[in-house]
Amino acid sequence: MTGLSKAFGGLNFNPQDFNADPVETAYRNALAERFDACITLAATGPAPKGMLTGDPIFAVPGSMLAVPALSLPVFEVGGMPLGLQVLGFMGSDAAAVSVAGGLLAILQP
């Protein structure tokens, strides 16, 4: 059983399943032609005092869409970390890593 199959409750999961709907495929392809990635916060706020991470709810879309997601430790709020998340497109992991590297070069001192 693959990691994705486990994430989907043991269902048989095949990345080609995401290409089954021609409308969704066309929409996803149009987005990928225009944008390199989606950027959002990695959590709803900074990690609570005494904890290393905050609420991971923003990680769910990347997992459900089976796209590459990278969390970058670039922000701090009240002395606590707050990450920036880069979501790429399915099958374009290297492009997402490239976007993340570019952001790190700009945002890290």
N, C-alpha and C. Protein backbone atom coordinates (compact mmCIF):
# COMPACT_ATOMS: atom_id res chain seq x y z
N MET A 1 0.86 -1.18 0.00
CA MET A 1 0.00 0.00 0.00
C MET A 1 0.89 1.24 0.00
N THR A 2 0.65 2.16 -0.91
CA THR A 2 1.45 3.38 -0.98
C THR A 2 1.05 4.34 0.12
N GLY A 3 1.90 5.35 0.34
CA GLY A 3 1.59 6.37 1.33
C GLY A 3 0.29 7.08 0.99
N LEU A 4 0.06 7.33 -0.30
CA LEU A 4 -1.19 7.99 -0.69
C LEU A 4 -2.39 7.10 -0.42
N SER A 5 -2.24 5.80 -0.64
CA SER A 5 -3.34 4.88 -0.35
C SER A 5 -3.68 4.91 1.13
N LYS A 6 -2.65 4.94 1.97
CA LYS A 6 -2.88 5.02 3.41
C LYS A 6 -3.59 6.32 3.77
N ALA A 7 -3.16 7.43 3.14
CA ALA A 7 -3.76 8.73 3.43
C ALA A 7 -5.23 8.77 3.04
N PHE A 8 -5.62 7.99 2.04
CA PHE A 8 -7.00 7.95 1.60
C PHE A 8 -7.76 6.78 2.22
N GLY A 9 -7.37 6.40 3.44
CA GLY A 9 -8.09 5.36 4.18
C GLY A 9 -7.97 3.98 3.59
N GLY A 10 -6.85 3.66 2.96
CA GLY A 10 -6.64 2.33 2.42
C GLY A 10 -7.24 2.12 1.04
N LEU A 11 -7.82 3.17 0.48
CA LEU A 11 -8.37 3.05 -0.88
C LEU A 11 -7.23 2.90 -1.87
N ASN A 12 -7.47 2.18 -2.93
CA ASN A 12 -6.47 2.11 -3.99
C ASN A 12 -6.41 3.47 -4.66
N PHE A 13 -5.24 4.08 -4.63
CA PHE A 13 -5.08 5.41 -5.19
C PHE A 13 -4.05 5.36 -6.30
N ASN A 14 -4.38 6.00 -7.39
CA ASN A 14 -3.48 6.08 -8.52
C ASN A 14 -3.45 7.54 -8.97
N PRO A 15 -2.26 8.17 -9.04
CA PRO A 15 -2.22 9.58 -9.45
C PRO A 15 -2.92 9.85 -10.78
N GLN A 16 -3.02 8.86 -11.66
CA GLN A 16 -3.72 9.06 -12.93
C GLN A 16 -5.21 9.29 -12.71
N ASP A 17 -5.72 8.91 -11.53
CA ASP A 17 -7.13 9.15 -11.23
C ASP A 17 -7.45 10.64 -11.28
N PHE A 18 -6.45 11.49 -11.00
CA PHE A 18 -6.68 12.93 -11.03
C PHE A 18 -6.85 13.44 -12.45
N ASN A 19 -6.53 12.65 -13.43
CA ASN A 19 -6.68 13.06 -14.83
C ASN A 19 -7.98 12.54 -15.44
N ALA A 20 -8.85 11.95 -14.63
CA ALA A 20 -10.07 11.33 -15.15
C ALA A 20 -11.08 12.36 -15.64
N ASP A 21 -11.18 13.50 -14.99
CA ASP A 21 -12.16 14.52 -15.35
C ASP A 21 -11.50 15.54 -16.29
N PRO A 22 -11.94 15.61 -17.54
CA PRO A 22 -11.29 16.52 -18.50
C PRO A 22 -11.40 17.99 -18.11
N VAL A 23 -12.48 18.39 -17.45
CA VAL A 23 -12.64 19.78 -17.04
C VAL A 23 -11.62 20.11 -15.94
N GLU A 24 -11.50 19.23 -14.96
CA GLU A 24 -10.52 19.46 -13.89
C GLU A 24 -9.10 19.47 -14.45
N THR A 25 -8.83 18.57 -15.37
CA THR A 25 -7.50 18.50 -15.98
C THR A 25 -7.19 19.79 -16.73
N ALA A 26 -8.15 20.29 -17.50
CA ALA A 26 -7.95 21.53 -18.25
C ALA A 26 -7.72 22.71 -17.31
N TYR A 27 -8.48 22.77 -16.22
CA TYR A 27 -8.33 23.85 -15.25
C TYR A 27 -6.96 23.79 -14.59
N ARG A 28 -6.56 22.59 -14.16
CA ARG A 28 -5.25 22.41 -13.51
C ARG A 28 -4.12 22.78 -14.48
N ASN A 29 -4.23 22.36 -15.74
CA ASN A 29 -3.21 22.67 -16.73
C ASN A 29 -3.14 24.17 -17.01
N ALA A 30 -4.30 24.84 -17.05
CA ALA A 30 -4.31 26.29 -17.26
C ALA A 30 -3.62 27.01 -16.11
N LEU A 31 -3.87 26.56 -14.89
CA LEU A 31 -3.20 27.16 -13.73
C LEU A 31 -1.69 26.93 -13.80
N ALA A 32 -1.29 25.72 -14.15
CA ALA A 32 0.14 25.38 -14.20
C ALA A 32 0.86 26.17 -15.30
N GLU A 33 0.16 26.52 -16.37
CA GLU A 33 0.77 27.32 -17.42
C GLU A 33 0.99 28.76 -17.00
N ARG A 34 0.14 29.24 -16.10
CA ARG A 34 0.20 30.65 -15.69
C ARG A 34 0.98 30.89 -14.41
N PHE A 35 0.97 29.90 -13.51
CA PHE A 35 1.60 30.07 -12.20
C PHE A 35 2.63 28.98 -11.94
N ASP A 36 3.66 29.32 -11.19
CA ASP A 36 4.68 28.34 -10.82
C ASP A 36 4.28 27.56 -9.58
N ALA A 37 3.53 28.19 -8.68
CA ALA A 37 3.17 27.55 -7.42
C ALA A 37 2.09 28.39 -6.73
N CYS A 38 1.56 27.83 -5.68
CA CYS A 38 0.64 28.54 -4.79
C CYS A 38 1.38 28.77 -3.47
N ILE A 39 1.27 29.97 -2.94
CA ILE A 39 1.97 30.29 -1.70
C ILE A 39 0.95 30.68 -0.66
N THR A 40 1.09 30.09 0.53
CA THR A 40 0.20 30.39 1.64
C THR A 40 0.99 30.23 2.94
N LEU A 41 0.40 30.58 4.04
CA LEU A 41 1.04 30.29 5.32
C LEU A 41 1.00 28.79 5.55
N ALA A 42 1.93 28.29 6.34
CA ALA A 42 1.96 26.86 6.65
C ALA A 42 1.03 26.50 7.80
N ALA A 43 0.59 27.49 8.56
CA ALA A 43 -0.30 27.26 9.71
C ALA A 43 -1.15 28.50 9.90
N THR A 44 -2.16 28.37 10.75
CA THR A 44 -3.08 29.49 10.99
C THR A 44 -2.45 30.60 11.82
N GLY A 45 -1.35 30.31 12.45
CA GLY A 45 -0.65 31.29 13.28
C GLY A 45 0.64 30.68 13.77
N PRO A 46 1.37 31.43 14.58
CA PRO A 46 2.64 30.89 15.08
C PRO A 46 2.42 29.70 16.00
N ALA A 47 3.47 28.95 16.19
CA ALA A 47 3.41 27.81 17.11
C ALA A 47 3.11 28.32 18.51
N PRO A 48 2.24 27.63 19.24
CA PRO A 48 1.98 28.03 20.63
C PRO A 48 3.25 27.89 21.46
N LYS A 49 3.39 28.72 22.48
CA LYS A 49 4.56 28.65 23.37
C LYS A 49 4.75 27.22 23.86
N GLY A 50 5.98 26.75 23.80
CA GLY A 50 6.30 25.41 24.27
C GLY A 50 6.10 24.32 23.22
N MET A 51 5.61 24.69 22.03
CA MET A 51 5.38 23.72 20.96
C MET A 51 6.24 24.11 19.76
N LEU A 52 6.61 23.12 18.96
CA LEU A 52 7.44 23.39 17.79
C LEU A 52 6.63 23.78 16.57
N THR A 53 5.36 23.35 16.52
CA THR A 53 4.54 23.65 15.35
C THR A 53 3.17 24.17 15.78
N GLY A 54 2.52 24.85 14.85
CA GLY A 54 1.17 25.33 15.08
C GLY A 54 0.15 24.41 14.44
N ASP A 55 -1.03 24.93 14.23
CA ASP A 55 -2.12 24.17 13.63
C ASP A 55 -1.76 23.81 12.18
N PRO A 56 -1.70 22.51 11.85
CA PRO A 56 -1.27 22.11 10.51
C PRO A 56 -2.38 22.06 9.46
N ILE A 57 -3.50 22.72 9.70
CA ILE A 57 -4.65 22.60 8.80
C ILE A 57 -4.32 23.00 7.36
N PHE A 58 -3.38 23.91 7.16
CA PHE A 58 -3.04 24.33 5.80
C PHE A 58 -2.25 23.26 5.05
N ALA A 59 -1.83 22.21 5.73
CA ALA A 59 -1.14 21.10 5.06
C ALA A 59 -2.13 20.15 4.38
N VAL A 60 -3.38 20.21 4.78
CA VAL A 60 -4.39 19.28 4.26
C VAL A 60 -4.61 19.41 2.75
N PRO A 61 -4.76 20.63 2.19
CA PRO A 61 -5.01 20.71 0.74
C PRO A 61 -3.92 20.04 -0.10
N GLY A 62 -2.66 20.26 0.25
CA GLY A 62 -1.58 19.63 -0.50
C GLY A 62 -1.64 18.12 -0.43
N SER A 63 -1.98 17.60 0.75
CA SER A 63 -2.10 16.16 0.91
C SER A 63 -3.27 15.61 0.10
N MET A 64 -4.40 16.28 0.16
CA MET A 64 -5.58 15.79 -0.55
C MET A 64 -5.43 15.90 -2.07
N LEU A 65 -4.67 16.89 -2.53
CA LEU A 65 -4.46 17.05 -3.97
C LEU A 65 -3.27 16.26 -4.48
N ALA A 66 -2.52 15.66 -3.57
CA ALA A 66 -1.32 14.88 -3.93
C ALA A 66 -0.32 15.72 -4.71
N VAL A 67 -0.09 16.94 -4.21
CA VAL A 67 0.88 17.84 -4.84
C VAL A 67 2.04 18.07 -3.88
N PRO A 68 3.19 18.46 -4.42
CA PRO A 68 4.32 18.75 -3.53
C PRO A 68 4.02 19.96 -2.67
N ALA A 69 4.37 19.87 -1.40
CA ALA A 69 4.17 20.97 -0.46
C ALA A 69 5.42 21.11 0.39
N LEU A 70 5.94 22.32 0.46
CA LEU A 70 7.14 22.58 1.25
C LEU A 70 6.83 23.70 2.24
N SER A 71 7.28 23.53 3.47
CA SER A 71 7.10 24.55 4.48
C SER A 71 8.45 25.20 4.75
N LEU A 72 8.47 26.52 4.63
CA LEU A 72 9.72 27.26 4.77
C LEU A 72 9.72 28.05 6.08
N PRO A 73 10.72 27.88 6.91
CA PRO A 73 10.77 28.57 8.22
C PRO A 73 11.26 30.01 8.07
N VAL A 74 10.43 30.89 7.55
CA VAL A 74 10.90 32.24 7.24
C VAL A 74 10.28 33.35 8.08
N PHE A 75 9.21 33.08 8.81
CA PHE A 75 8.57 34.13 9.58
C PHE A 75 8.65 33.84 11.07
N GLU A 76 8.44 34.90 11.83
CA GLU A 76 8.40 34.78 13.29
C GLU A 76 7.37 35.78 13.80
N VAL A 77 6.52 35.33 14.71
CA VAL A 77 5.51 36.19 15.31
C VAL A 77 5.62 36.04 16.82
N GLY A 78 5.90 37.11 17.50
CA GLY A 78 6.03 37.06 18.95
C GLY A 78 7.12 36.09 19.42
N GLY A 79 8.17 35.97 18.65
CA GLY A 79 9.26 35.07 19.00
C GLY A 79 9.01 33.61 18.66
N MET A 80 7.86 33.32 18.04
CA MET A 80 7.52 31.94 17.69
C MET A 80 7.52 31.79 16.17
N PRO A 81 7.90 30.59 15.68
CA PRO A 81 8.00 30.40 14.22
C PRO A 81 6.64 30.34 13.53
N LEU A 82 6.65 30.83 12.30
CA LEU A 82 5.48 30.71 11.42
C LEU A 82 6.03 30.49 10.01
N GLY A 83 5.67 29.37 9.41
CA GLY A 83 6.22 29.01 8.11
C GLY A 83 5.40 29.51 6.95
N LEU A 84 6.05 29.58 5.81
CA LEU A 84 5.42 29.88 4.53
C LEU A 84 5.37 28.56 3.77
N GLN A 85 4.24 28.25 3.17
CA GLN A 85 4.07 26.99 2.45
C GLN A 85 4.02 27.24 0.94
N VAL A 86 4.75 26.39 0.22
CA VAL A 86 4.74 26.43 -1.24
C VAL A 86 4.08 25.15 -1.72
N LEU A 87 2.99 25.27 -2.47
CA LEU A 87 2.31 24.14 -3.08
C LEU A 87 2.60 24.13 -4.57
N GLY A 88 3.08 23.02 -5.06
CA GLY A 88 3.37 22.91 -6.48
C GLY A 88 2.26 22.18 -7.21
N PHE A 89 2.57 21.70 -8.40
CA PHE A 89 1.61 20.96 -9.20
C PHE A 89 2.03 19.50 -9.27
N MET A 90 1.07 18.61 -9.40
CA MET A 90 1.34 17.18 -9.46
C MET A 90 2.35 16.88 -10.57
N GLY A 91 3.38 16.13 -10.20
CA GLY A 91 4.41 15.76 -11.16
C GLY A 91 5.44 16.84 -11.39
N SER A 92 5.35 17.95 -10.67
CA SER A 92 6.29 19.07 -10.85
C SER A 92 7.01 19.38 -9.54
N ASP A 93 7.50 18.35 -8.89
CA ASP A 93 8.17 18.53 -7.61
C ASP A 93 9.39 19.45 -7.73
N ALA A 94 10.20 19.25 -8.76
CA ALA A 94 11.41 20.05 -8.92
C ALA A 94 11.08 21.53 -9.07
N ALA A 95 10.01 21.85 -9.78
CA ALA A 95 9.61 23.25 -9.94
C ALA A 95 9.21 23.85 -8.59
N ALA A 96 8.50 23.09 -7.76
CA ALA A 96 8.11 23.58 -6.43
C ALA A 96 9.34 23.82 -5.57
N VAL A 97 10.30 22.92 -5.64
CA VAL A 97 11.54 23.09 -4.87
C VAL A 97 12.29 24.33 -5.36
N SER A 98 12.28 24.57 -6.66
CA SER A 98 12.94 25.74 -7.22
C SER A 98 12.28 27.03 -6.72
N VAL A 99 10.95 27.06 -6.72
CA VAL A 99 10.23 28.23 -6.20
C VAL A 99 10.58 28.43 -4.73
N ALA A 100 10.58 27.36 -3.96
CA ALA A 100 10.91 27.46 -2.53
C ALA A 100 12.32 28.00 -2.34
N GLY A 101 13.27 27.52 -3.14
CA GLY A 101 14.64 28.01 -3.05
C GLY A 101 14.74 29.49 -3.36
N GLY A 102 14.01 29.93 -4.37
CA GLY A 102 14.00 31.35 -4.71
C GLY A 102 13.42 32.20 -3.59
N LEU A 103 12.35 31.73 -2.98
CA LEU A 103 11.74 32.45 -1.87
C LEU A 103 12.68 32.52 -0.67
N LEU A 104 13.35 31.40 -0.39
CA LEU A 104 14.31 31.39 0.73
C LEU A 104 15.43 32.39 0.49
N ALA A 105 15.91 32.46 -0.74
CA ALA A 105 16.99 33.39 -1.06
C ALA A 105 16.55 34.85 -0.83
N ILE A 106 15.28 35.13 -1.06
CA ILE A 106 14.77 36.48 -0.90
C ILE A 106 14.42 36.78 0.57
N LEU A 107 13.81 35.82 1.24
CA LEU A 107 13.22 36.08 2.57
C LEU A 107 14.14 35.81 3.75
N GLN A 108 15.14 34.97 3.59
CA GLN A 108 16.04 34.70 4.70
C GLN A 108 17.19 35.70 4.69
N PRO A 109 17.52 36.19 5.86
CA PRO A 109 18.63 37.18 5.93
C PRO A 109 19.97 36.54 5.62
